[in-house]
Amino acid sequence: EDWQADNAEEEDDQKTRCLFSGARFATPAEALQHAAAEFGFRFSEIRKTRELDFYDAIKAINFIRSTVAAQKCIFCGKQFDNNEQLLEHMKAEQH
């Protein structure tokens, strides 16, 4: 029984977490599709317009994750009390 619980945790750790919510997906592509559909965040467009190479893209993802974890908007820097308020703001402001 313990090995089944450990295996389930390992499988969950291998999933890709959404940049903005706690949702987890089997692949990074699915997570980015979710971010585009739910939050209007299209990383591929940002990567193209800003001409981000692989390493710059990783830096951008890390920046997004840390900024969202600090409950700040990645576009305007506004601080929020919780993640729900941040996500509502991003949806309402379309950023």
PDB file of N, CA and C in Angstrom:
ATOM      1  N   GLU A   1       0.815  -1.201   0.000  1.00  0.00           N
ATOM      2  CA  GLU A   1       0.000   0.000   0.000  1.00  0.00           C
ATOM      3  C   GLU A   1       0.855   1.261   0.000  1.00  0.00           C
ATOM      4  N   ASP A   2       1.945   1.246   0.786  1.00  0.00           N
ATOM      5  CA  ASP A   2       2.799   2.424   0.845  1.00  0.00           C
ATOM      6  C   ASP A   2       3.449   2.716  -0.500  1.00  0.00           C
ATOM      7  N   TRP A   3       3.834   1.648  -1.216  1.00  0.00           N
ATOM      8  CA  TRP A   3       4.472   1.871  -2.509  1.00  0.00           C
ATOM      9  C   TRP A   3       3.501   2.477  -3.499  1.00  0.00           C
ATOM     10  N   GLN A   4       2.210   2.161  -3.376  1.00  0.00           N
ATOM     11  CA  GLN A   4       1.215   2.746  -4.271  1.00  0.00           C
ATOM     12  C   GLN A   4       1.069   4.232  -4.003  1.00  0.00           C
ATOM     13  N   ALA A   5       1.065   4.609  -2.731  1.00  0.00           N
ATOM     14  CA  ALA A   5       0.971   6.030  -2.378  1.00  0.00           C
ATOM     15  C   ALA A   5       2.209   6.778  -2.855  1.00  0.00           C
ATOM     16  N   ASP A   6       3.393   6.167  -2.661  1.00  0.00           N
ATOM     17  CA  ASP A   6       4.630   6.794  -3.123  1.00  0.00           C
ATOM     18  C   ASP A   6       4.634   6.945  -4.633  1.00  0.00           C
ATOM     19  N   ASN A   7       4.162   5.926  -5.343  1.00  0.00           N
ATOM     20  CA  ASN A   7       4.119   5.962  -6.796  1.00  0.00           C
ATOM     21  C   ASN A   7       3.170   7.058  -7.281  1.00  0.00           C
ATOM     22  N   ALA A   8       2.033   7.201  -6.631  1.00  0.00           N
ATOM     23  CA  ALA A   8       1.068   8.241  -7.008  1.00  0.00           C
ATOM     24  C   ALA A   8       1.672   9.627  -6.793  1.00  0.00           C
ATOM     25  N   GLU A   9       2.418   9.809  -5.689  1.00  0.00           N
ATOM     26  CA  GLU A   9       3.062  11.095  -5.424  1.00  0.00           C
ATOM     27  C   GLU A   9       4.123  11.396  -6.474  1.00  0.00           C
ATOM     28  N   GLU A  10       4.897  10.375  -6.866  1.00  0.00           N
ATOM     29  CA  GLU A  10       5.917  10.565  -7.885  1.00  0.00           C
ATOM     30  C   GLU A  10       5.288  10.951  -9.220  1.00  0.00           C
ATOM     31  N   GLU A  11       4.183  10.304  -9.571  1.00  0.00           N
ATOM     32  CA  GLU A  11       3.508  10.632 -10.823  1.00  0.00           C
ATOM     33  C   GLU A  11       2.998  12.058 -10.794  1.00  0.00           C
ATOM     34  N   ASP A  12       2.469  12.506  -9.649  1.00  0.00           N
ATOM     35  CA  ASP A  12       1.971  13.871  -9.534  1.00  0.00           C
ATOM     36  C   ASP A  12       3.127  14.868  -9.619  1.00  0.00           C
ATOM     37  N   ASP A  13       4.282  14.523  -9.043  1.00  0.00           N
ATOM     38  CA  ASP A  13       5.447  15.395  -9.112  1.00  0.00           C
ATOM     39  C   ASP A  13       5.961  15.555 -10.535  1.00  0.00           C
ATOM     40  N   GLN A  14       5.724  14.578 -11.374  1.00  0.00           N
ATOM     41  CA  GLN A  14       6.195  14.623 -12.748  1.00  0.00           C
ATOM     42  C   GLN A  14       5.260  15.416 -13.652  1.00  0.00           C
ATOM     43  N   LYS A  15       4.105  15.770 -13.174  1.00  0.00           N
ATOM     44  CA  LYS A  15       3.171  16.551 -13.974  1.00  0.00           C
ATOM     45  C   LYS A  15       3.596  18.017 -13.972  1.00  0.00           C
ATOM     46  N   THR A  16       3.159  18.731 -14.980  1.00  0.00           N
ATOM     47  CA  THR A  16       3.487  20.142 -15.125  1.00  0.00           C
ATOM     48  C   THR A  16       2.396  20.987 -14.474  1.00  0.00           C
ATOM     49  N   ARG A  17       2.812  21.872 -13.583  1.00  0.00           N
ATOM     50  CA  ARG A  17       1.873  22.746 -12.883  1.00  0.00           C
ATOM     51  C   ARG A  17       1.621  23.987 -13.728  1.00  0.00           C
ATOM     52  N   CYS A  18       0.386  24.437 -13.737  1.00  0.00           N
ATOM     53  CA  CYS A  18       0.013  25.675 -14.419  1.00  0.00           C
ATOM     54  C   CYS A  18       0.829  26.827 -13.831  1.00  0.00           C
ATOM     55  N   LEU A  19       1.172  27.801 -14.658  1.00  0.00           N
ATOM     56  CA  LEU A  19       1.927  28.956 -14.190  1.00  0.00           C
ATOM     57  C   LEU A  19       1.135  29.811 -13.210  1.00  0.00           C
ATOM     58  N   PHE A  20      -0.183  29.711 -13.236  1.00  0.00           N
ATOM     59  CA  PHE A  20      -1.014  30.614 -12.455  1.00  0.00           C
ATOM     60  C   PHE A  20      -1.888  29.940 -11.410  1.00  0.00           C
ATOM     61  N   SER A  21      -2.265  28.710 -11.651  1.00  0.00           N
ATOM     62  CA  SER A  21      -3.148  28.017 -10.707  1.00  0.00           C
ATOM     63  C   SER A  21      -2.478  26.730 -10.241  1.00  0.00           C
ATOM     64  N   GLY A  22      -3.123  26.015  -9.387  1.00  0.00           N
ATOM     65  CA  GLY A  22      -2.571  24.762  -8.894  1.00  0.00           C
ATOM     66  C   GLY A  22      -2.841  23.575  -9.798  1.00  0.00           C
ATOM     67  N   ALA A  23      -3.477  23.806 -10.923  1.00  0.00           N
ATOM     68  CA  ALA A  23      -3.811  22.707 -11.838  1.00  0.00           C
ATOM     69  C   ALA A  23      -2.533  22.042 -12.350  1.00  0.00           C
ATOM     70  N   ARG A  24      -2.601  20.720 -12.506  1.00  0.00           N
ATOM     71  CA  ARG A  24      -1.453  19.950 -13.007  1.00  0.00           C
ATOM     72  C   ARG A  24      -1.850  19.215 -14.282  1.00  0.00           C
ATOM     73  N   PHE A  25      -0.869  19.093 -15.183  1.00  0.00           N
ATOM     74  CA  PHE A  25      -1.119  18.511 -16.490  1.00  0.00           C
ATOM     75  C   PHE A  25      -0.027  17.515 -16.844  1.00  0.00           C
ATOM     76  N   ALA A  26      -0.366  16.597 -17.734  1.00  0.00           N
ATOM     77  CA  ALA A  26       0.564  15.535 -18.126  1.00  0.00           C
ATOM     78  C   ALA A  26       1.773  16.089 -18.873  1.00  0.00           C
ATOM     79  N   THR A  27       1.575  17.170 -19.621  1.00  0.00           N
ATOM     80  CA  THR A  27       2.682  17.724 -20.417  1.00  0.00           C
ATOM     81  C   THR A  27       2.745  19.244 -20.266  1.00  0.00           C
ATOM     82  N   PRO A  28       3.909  19.831 -20.516  1.00  0.00           N
ATOM     83  CA  PRO A  28       4.006  21.293 -20.519  1.00  0.00           C
ATOM     84  C   PRO A  28       3.079  21.933 -21.559  1.00  0.00           C
ATOM     85  N   ALA A  29       2.925  21.291 -22.702  1.00  0.00           N
ATOM     86  CA  ALA A  29       2.043  21.830 -23.744  1.00  0.00           C
ATOM     87  C   ALA A  29       0.607  21.948 -23.244  1.00  0.00           C
ATOM     88  N   GLU A  30       0.145  20.935 -22.518  1.00  0.00           N
ATOM     89  CA  GLU A  30      -1.215  20.981 -21.964  1.00  0.00           C
ATOM     90  C   GLU A  30      -1.340  22.108 -20.940  1.00  0.00           C
ATOM     91  N   ALA A  31      -0.315  22.309 -20.130  1.00  0.00           N
ATOM     92  CA  ALA A  31      -0.341  23.391 -19.131  1.00  0.00           C
ATOM     93  C   ALA A  31      -0.404  24.752 -19.816  1.00  0.00           C
ATOM     94  N   LEU A  32       0.350  24.921 -20.899  1.00  0.00           N
ATOM     95  CA  LEU A  32       0.331  26.185 -21.621  1.00  0.00           C
ATOM     96  C   LEU A  32      -0.993  26.396 -22.348  1.00  0.00           C
ATOM     97  N   GLN A  33      -1.598  25.327 -22.860  1.00  0.00           N
ATOM     98  CA  GLN A  33      -2.929  25.430 -23.472  1.00  0.00           C
ATOM     99  C   GLN A  33      -3.945  25.885 -22.433  1.00  0.00           C
ATOM    100  N   HIS A  34      -3.847  25.331 -21.232  1.00  0.00           N
ATOM    101  CA  HIS A  34      -4.731  25.717 -20.130  1.00  0.00           C
ATOM    102  C   HIS A  34      -4.534  27.200 -19.801  1.00  0.00           C
ATOM    103  N   ALA A  35      -3.280  27.647 -19.695  1.00  0.00           N
ATOM    104  CA  ALA A  35      -3.004  29.057 -19.374  1.00  0.00           C
ATOM    105  C   ALA A  35      -3.577  29.978 -20.445  1.00  0.00           C
ATOM    106  N   ALA A  36      -3.509  29.563 -21.691  1.00  0.00           N
ATOM    107  CA  ALA A  36      -4.074  30.370 -22.770  1.00  0.00           C
ATOM    108  C   ALA A  36      -5.594  30.422 -22.689  1.00  0.00           C
ATOM    109  N   ALA A  37      -6.214  29.264 -22.456  1.00  0.00           N
ATOM    110  CA  ALA A  37      -7.678  29.193 -22.423  1.00  0.00           C
ATOM    111  C   ALA A  37      -8.254  29.872 -21.182  1.00  0.00           C
ATOM    112  N   GLU A  38      -7.648  29.639 -20.031  1.00  0.00           N
ATOM    113  CA  GLU A  38      -8.201  30.150 -18.773  1.00  0.00           C
ATOM    114  C   GLU A  38      -7.808  31.588 -18.469  1.00  0.00           C
ATOM    115  N   PHE A  39      -6.578  31.964 -18.841  1.00  0.00           N
ATOM    116  CA  PHE A  39      -6.051  33.263 -18.424  1.00  0.00           C
ATOM    117  C   PHE A  39      -5.648  34.157 -19.587  1.00  0.00           C
ATOM    118  N   GLY A  40      -5.811  33.656 -20.812  1.00  0.00           N
ATOM    119  CA  GLY A  40      -5.432  34.449 -21.977  1.00  0.00           C
ATOM    120  C   GLY A  40      -3.931  34.642 -22.099  1.00  0.00           C
ATOM    121  N   PHE A  41      -3.162  33.811 -21.417  1.00  0.00           N
ATOM    122  CA  PHE A  41      -1.706  33.920 -21.413  1.00  0.00           C
ATOM    123  C   PHE A  41      -1.132  33.001 -22.482  1.00  0.00           C
ATOM    124  N   ARG A  42      -0.561  33.591 -23.508  1.00  0.00           N
ATOM    125  CA  ARG A  42      -0.027  32.820 -24.635  1.00  0.00           C
ATOM    126  C   ARG A  42       1.500  32.945 -24.644  1.00  0.00           C
ATOM    127  N   PHE A  43       2.135  31.998 -23.978  1.00  0.00           N
ATOM    128  CA  PHE A  43       3.582  32.038 -23.823  1.00  0.00           C
ATOM    129  C   PHE A  43       4.303  31.965 -25.160  1.00  0.00           C
ATOM    130  N   SER A  44       3.777  31.195 -26.082  1.00  0.00           N
ATOM    131  CA  SER A  44       4.443  31.071 -27.391  1.00  0.00           C
ATOM    132  C   SER A  44       4.494  32.423 -28.099  1.00  0.00           C
ATOM    133  N   GLU A  45       3.439  33.224 -27.973  1.00  0.00           N
ATOM    134  CA  GLU A  45       3.435  34.553 -28.583  1.00  0.00           C
ATOM    135  C   GLU A  45       4.450  35.465 -27.901  1.00  0.00           C
ATOM    136  N   ILE A  46       4.510  35.395 -26.578  1.00  0.00           N
ATOM    137  CA  ILE A  46       5.476  36.211 -25.839  1.00  0.00           C
ATOM    138  C   ILE A  46       6.893  35.809 -26.223  1.00  0.00           C
ATOM    139  N   ARG A  47       7.105  34.520 -26.316  1.00  0.00           N
ATOM    140  CA  ARG A  47       8.444  34.017 -26.673  1.00  0.00           C
ATOM    141  C   ARG A  47       8.852  34.509 -28.064  1.00  0.00           C
ATOM    142  N   LYS A  48       7.910  34.519 -28.996  1.00  0.00           N
ATOM    143  CA  LYS A  48       8.219  34.985 -30.352  1.00  0.00           C
ATOM    144  C   LYS A  48       8.453  36.490 -30.386  1.00  0.00           C
ATOM    145  N   THR A  49       7.540  37.267 -29.801  1.00  0.00           N
ATOM    146  CA  THR A  49       7.657  38.725 -29.883  1.00  0.00           C
ATOM    147  C   THR A  49       8.881  39.245 -29.129  1.00  0.00           C
ATOM    148  N   ARG A  50       9.256  38.588 -28.067  1.00  0.00           N
ATOM    149  CA  ARG A  50      10.436  39.013 -27.287  1.00  0.00           C
ATOM    150  C   ARG A  50      11.712  38.285 -27.719  1.00  0.00           C
ATOM    151  N   GLU A  51      11.556  37.407 -28.714  1.00  0.00           N
ATOM    152  CA  GLU A  51      12.686  36.654 -29.253  1.00  0.00           C
ATOM    153  C   GLU A  51      13.481  35.948 -28.159  1.00  0.00           C
ATOM    154  N   LEU A  52      12.761  35.205 -27.324  1.00  0.00           N
ATOM    155  CA  LEU A  52      13.396  34.491 -26.224  1.00  0.00           C
ATOM    156  C   LEU A  52      13.991  33.172 -26.707  1.00  0.00           C
ATOM    157  N   ASP A  53      15.259  32.958 -26.426  1.00  0.00           N
ATOM    158  CA  ASP A  53      15.845  31.659 -26.718  1.00  0.00           C
ATOM    159  C   ASP A  53      15.468  30.705 -25.577  1.00  0.00           C
ATOM    160  N   PHE A  54      15.972  29.496 -25.619  1.00  0.00           N
ATOM    161  CA  PHE A  54      15.609  28.485 -24.636  1.00  0.00           C
ATOM    162  C   PHE A  54      15.868  28.970 -23.203  1.00  0.00           C
ATOM    163  N   TYR A  55      17.062  29.500 -22.961  1.00  0.00           N
ATOM    164  CA  TYR A  55      17.426  29.923 -21.607  1.00  0.00           C
ATOM    165  C   TYR A  55      16.615  31.130 -21.150  1.00  0.00           C
ATOM    166  N   ASP A  56      16.368  32.061 -22.051  1.00  0.00           N
ATOM    167  CA  ASP A  56      15.524  33.205 -21.707  1.00  0.00           C
ATOM    168  C   ASP A  56      14.097  32.761 -21.398  1.00  0.00           C
ATOM    169  N   ALA A  57      13.606  31.753 -22.120  1.00  0.00           N
ATOM    170  CA  ALA A  57      12.263  31.226 -21.860  1.00  0.00           C
ATOM    171  C   ALA A  57      12.198  30.602 -20.469  1.00  0.00           C
ATOM    172  N   ILE A  58      13.232  29.870 -20.086  1.00  0.00           N
ATOM    173  CA  ILE A  58      13.277  29.281 -18.739  1.00  0.00           C
ATOM    174  C   ILE A  58      13.303  30.378 -17.685  1.00  0.00           C
ATOM    175  N   LYS A  59      14.095  31.428 -17.922  1.00  0.00           N
ATOM    176  CA  LYS A  59      14.139  32.555 -16.982  1.00  0.00           C
ATOM    177  C   LYS A  59      12.766  33.213 -16.862  1.00  0.00           C
ATOM    178  N   ALA A  60      12.089  33.371 -17.990  1.00  0.00           N
ATOM    179  CA  ALA A  60      10.758  33.984 -17.980  1.00  0.00           C
ATOM    180  C   ALA A  60       9.777  33.136 -17.182  1.00  0.00           C
ATOM    181  N   ILE A  61       9.811  31.832 -17.382  1.00  0.00           N
ATOM    182  CA  ILE A  61       8.923  30.938 -16.627  1.00  0.00           C
ATOM    183  C   ILE A  61       9.223  31.024 -15.144  1.00  0.00           C
ATOM    184  N   ASN A  62      10.503  31.035 -14.774  1.00  0.00           N
ATOM    185  CA  ASN A  62      10.868  31.157 -13.361  1.00  0.00           C
ATOM    186  C   ASN A  62      10.408  32.491 -12.777  1.00  0.00           C
ATOM    187  N   PHE A  63      10.543  33.568 -13.565  1.00  0.00           N
ATOM    188  CA  PHE A  63      10.058  34.875 -13.125  1.00  0.00           C
ATOM    189  C   PHE A  63       8.551  34.838 -12.890  1.00  0.00           C
ATOM    190  N   ILE A  64       7.829  34.261 -13.829  1.00  0.00           N
ATOM    191  CA  ILE A  64       6.369  34.175 -13.703  1.00  0.00           C
ATOM    192  C   ILE A  64       5.992  33.390 -12.459  1.00  0.00           C
ATOM    193  N   ARG A  65       6.604  32.232 -12.272  1.00  0.00           N
ATOM    194  CA  ARG A  65       6.284  31.402 -11.100  1.00  0.00           C
ATOM    195  C   ARG A  65       6.561  32.141  -9.794  1.00  0.00           C
ATOM    196  N   SER A  66       7.714  32.799  -9.689  1.00  0.00           N
ATOM    197  CA  SER A  66       8.057  33.479  -8.438  1.00  0.00           C
ATOM    198  C   SER A  66       7.173  34.703  -8.209  1.00  0.00           C
ATOM    199  N   THR A  67       6.828  35.422  -9.271  1.00  0.00           N
ATOM    200  CA  THR A  67       5.976  36.604  -9.131  1.00  0.00           C
ATOM    201  C   THR A  67       4.563  36.200  -8.728  1.00  0.00           C
ATOM    202  N   VAL A  68       4.032  35.163  -9.356  1.00  0.00           N
ATOM    203  CA  VAL A  68       2.698  34.671  -8.997  1.00  0.00           C
ATOM    204  C   VAL A  68       2.697  34.118  -7.570  1.00  0.00           C
ATOM    205  N   ALA A  69       3.773  33.439  -7.173  1.00  0.00           N
ATOM    206  CA  ALA A  69       3.870  32.918  -5.797  1.00  0.00           C
ATOM    207  C   ALA A  69       3.875  34.056  -4.786  1.00  0.00           C
ATOM    208  N   ALA A  70       4.403  35.219  -5.185  1.00  0.00           N
ATOM    209  CA  ALA A  70       4.399  36.406  -4.321  1.00  0.00           C
ATOM    210  C   ALA A  70       3.076  37.165  -4.418  1.00  0.00           C
ATOM    211  N   GLN A  71       2.144  36.629  -5.188  1.00  0.00           N
ATOM    212  CA  GLN A  71       0.803  37.178  -5.390  1.00  0.00           C
ATOM    213  C   GLN A  71       0.832  38.584  -6.009  1.00  0.00           C
ATOM    214  N   LYS A  72       1.710  38.715  -7.023  1.00  0.00           N
ATOM    215  CA  LYS A  72       1.821  39.954  -7.789  1.00  0.00           C
ATOM    216  C   LYS A  72       1.473  39.675  -9.241  1.00  0.00           C
ATOM    217  N   CYS A  73       0.875  40.660  -9.880  1.00  0.00           N
ATOM    218  CA  CYS A  73       0.573  40.561 -11.303  1.00  0.00           C
ATOM    219  C   CYS A  73       1.879  40.629 -12.086  1.00  0.00           C
ATOM    220  N   ILE A  74       2.057  39.734 -13.021  1.00  0.00           N
ATOM    221  CA  ILE A  74       3.296  39.703 -13.792  1.00  0.00           C
ATOM    222  C   ILE A  74       3.388  40.845 -14.795  1.00  0.00           C
ATOM    223  N   PHE A  75       2.280  41.495 -15.080  1.00  0.00           N
ATOM    224  CA  PHE A  75       2.285  42.568 -16.062  1.00  0.00           C
ATOM    225  C   PHE A  75       2.335  43.957 -15.437  1.00  0.00           C
ATOM    226  N   CYS A  76       1.553  44.194 -14.390  1.00  0.00           N
ATOM    227  CA  CYS A  76       1.520  45.541 -13.804  1.00  0.00           C
ATOM    228  C   CYS A  76       2.165  45.608 -12.425  1.00  0.00           C
ATOM    229  N   GLY A  77       2.466  44.461 -11.820  1.00  0.00           N
ATOM    230  CA  GLY A  77       3.140  44.438 -10.525  1.00  0.00           C
ATOM    231  C   GLY A  77       2.250  44.670  -9.323  1.00  0.00           C
ATOM    232  N   LYS A  78       0.950  44.803  -9.546  1.00  0.00           N
ATOM    233  CA  LYS A  78       0.031  45.049  -8.434  1.00  0.00           C
ATOM    234  C   LYS A  78       0.053  43.862  -7.471  1.00  0.00           C
ATOM    235  N   GLN A  79       0.100  44.164  -6.179  1.00  0.00           N
ATOM    236  CA  GLN A  79       0.140  43.150  -5.124  1.00  0.00           C
ATOM    237  C   GLN A  79      -1.277  42.788  -4.683  1.00  0.00           C
ATOM    238  N   PHE A  80      -1.494  41.496  -4.413  1.00  0.00           N
ATOM    239  CA  PHE A  80      -2.801  41.019  -3.960  1.00  0.00           C
ATOM    240  C   PHE A  80      -2.649  40.227  -2.674  1.00  0.00           C
ATOM    241  N   ASP A  81      -3.766  40.080  -1.964  1.00  0.00           N
ATOM    242  CA  ASP A  81      -3.761  39.357  -0.690  1.00  0.00           C
ATOM    243  C   ASP A  81      -3.736  37.850  -0.878  1.00  0.00           C
ATOM    244  N   ASN A  82      -4.248  37.388  -2.017  1.00  0.00           N
ATOM    245  CA  ASN A  82      -4.259  35.942  -2.260  1.00  0.00           C
ATOM    246  C   ASN A  82      -4.265  35.673  -3.769  1.00  0.00           C
ATOM    247  N   ASN A  83      -4.068  34.412  -4.100  1.00  0.00           N
ATOM    248  CA  ASN A  83      -3.972  34.008  -5.496  1.00  0.00           C
ATOM    249  C   ASN A  83      -5.296  34.186  -6.233  1.00  0.00           C
ATOM    250  N   GLU A  84      -6.411  33.981  -5.538  1.00  0.00           N
ATOM    251  CA  GLU A  84      -7.719  34.148  -6.180  1.00  0.00           C
ATOM    252  C   GLU A  84      -7.906  35.582  -6.669  1.00  0.00           C
ATOM    253  N   GLN A  85      -7.549  36.560  -5.831  1.00  0.00           N
ATOM    254  CA  GLN A  85      -7.660  37.961  -6.239  1.00  0.00           C
ATOM    255  C   GLN A  85      -6.744  38.263  -7.417  1.00  0.00           C
ATOM    256  N   LEU A  86      -5.541  37.715  -7.381  1.00  0.00           N
ATOM    257  CA  LEU A  86      -4.598  37.913  -8.485  1.00  0.00           C
ATOM    258  C   LEU A  86      -5.174  37.374  -9.788  1.00  0.00           C
ATOM    259  N   LEU A  87      -5.696  36.157  -9.754  1.00  0.00           N
ATOM    260  CA  LEU A  87      -6.244  35.553 -10.974  1.00  0.00           C
ATOM    261  C   LEU A  87      -7.473  36.305 -11.471  1.00  0.00           C
ATOM    262  N   GLU A  88      -8.316  36.775 -10.560  1.00  0.00           N
ATOM    263  CA  GLU A  88      -9.479  37.587 -10.957  1.00  0.00           C
ATOM    264  C   GLU A  88      -9.015  38.857 -11.664  1.00  0.00           C
ATOM    265  N   HIS A  89      -7.994  39.503 -11.108  1.00  0.00           N
ATOM    266  CA  HIS A  89      -7.429  40.718 -11.707  1.00  0.00           C
ATOM    267  C   HIS A  89      -6.897  40.426 -13.119  1.00  0.00           C
ATOM    268  N   MET A  90      -6.138  39.343 -13.242  1.00  0.00           N
ATOM    269  CA  MET A  90      -5.548  39.029 -14.541  1.00  0.00           C
ATOM    270  C   MET A  90      -6.623  38.742 -15.583  1.00  0.00           C
ATOM    271  N   LYS A  91      -7.683  38.068 -15.172  1.00  0.00           N
ATOM    272  CA  LYS A  91      -8.778  37.806 -16.105  1.00  0.00           C
ATOM    273  C   LYS A  91      -9.515  39.101 -16.460  1.00  0.00           C
ATOM    274  N   ALA A  92      -9.826  39.911 -15.443  1.00  0.00           N
ATOM    275  CA  ALA A  92     -10.573  41.137 -15.666  1.00  0.00           C
ATOM    276  C   ALA A  92      -9.798  42.132 -16.526  1.00  0.00           C
ATOM    277  N   GLU A  93      -8.505  42.217 -16.294  1.00  0.00           N
ATOM    278  CA  GLU A  93      -7.662  43.182 -17.035  1.00  0.00           C
ATOM    279  C   GLU A  93      -7.111  42.578 -18.320  1.00  0.00           C
ATOM    280  N   GLN A  94      -7.404  41.321 -18.545  1.00  0.00           N
ATOM    281  CA  GLN A  94      -6.924  40.586 -19.714  1.00  0.00           C
ATOM    282  C   GLN A  94      -5.399  40.623 -19.806  1.00  0.00           C
ATOM    283  N   HIS A  95      -4.812  40.430 -18.636  1.00  0.00           N
ATOM    284  CA  HIS A  95      -3.360  40.266 -18.576  1.00  0.00           C
ATOM    285  C   HIS A  95      -3.059  39.473 -17.356  1.00  0.00           C
TER     286      HIS A  95
END
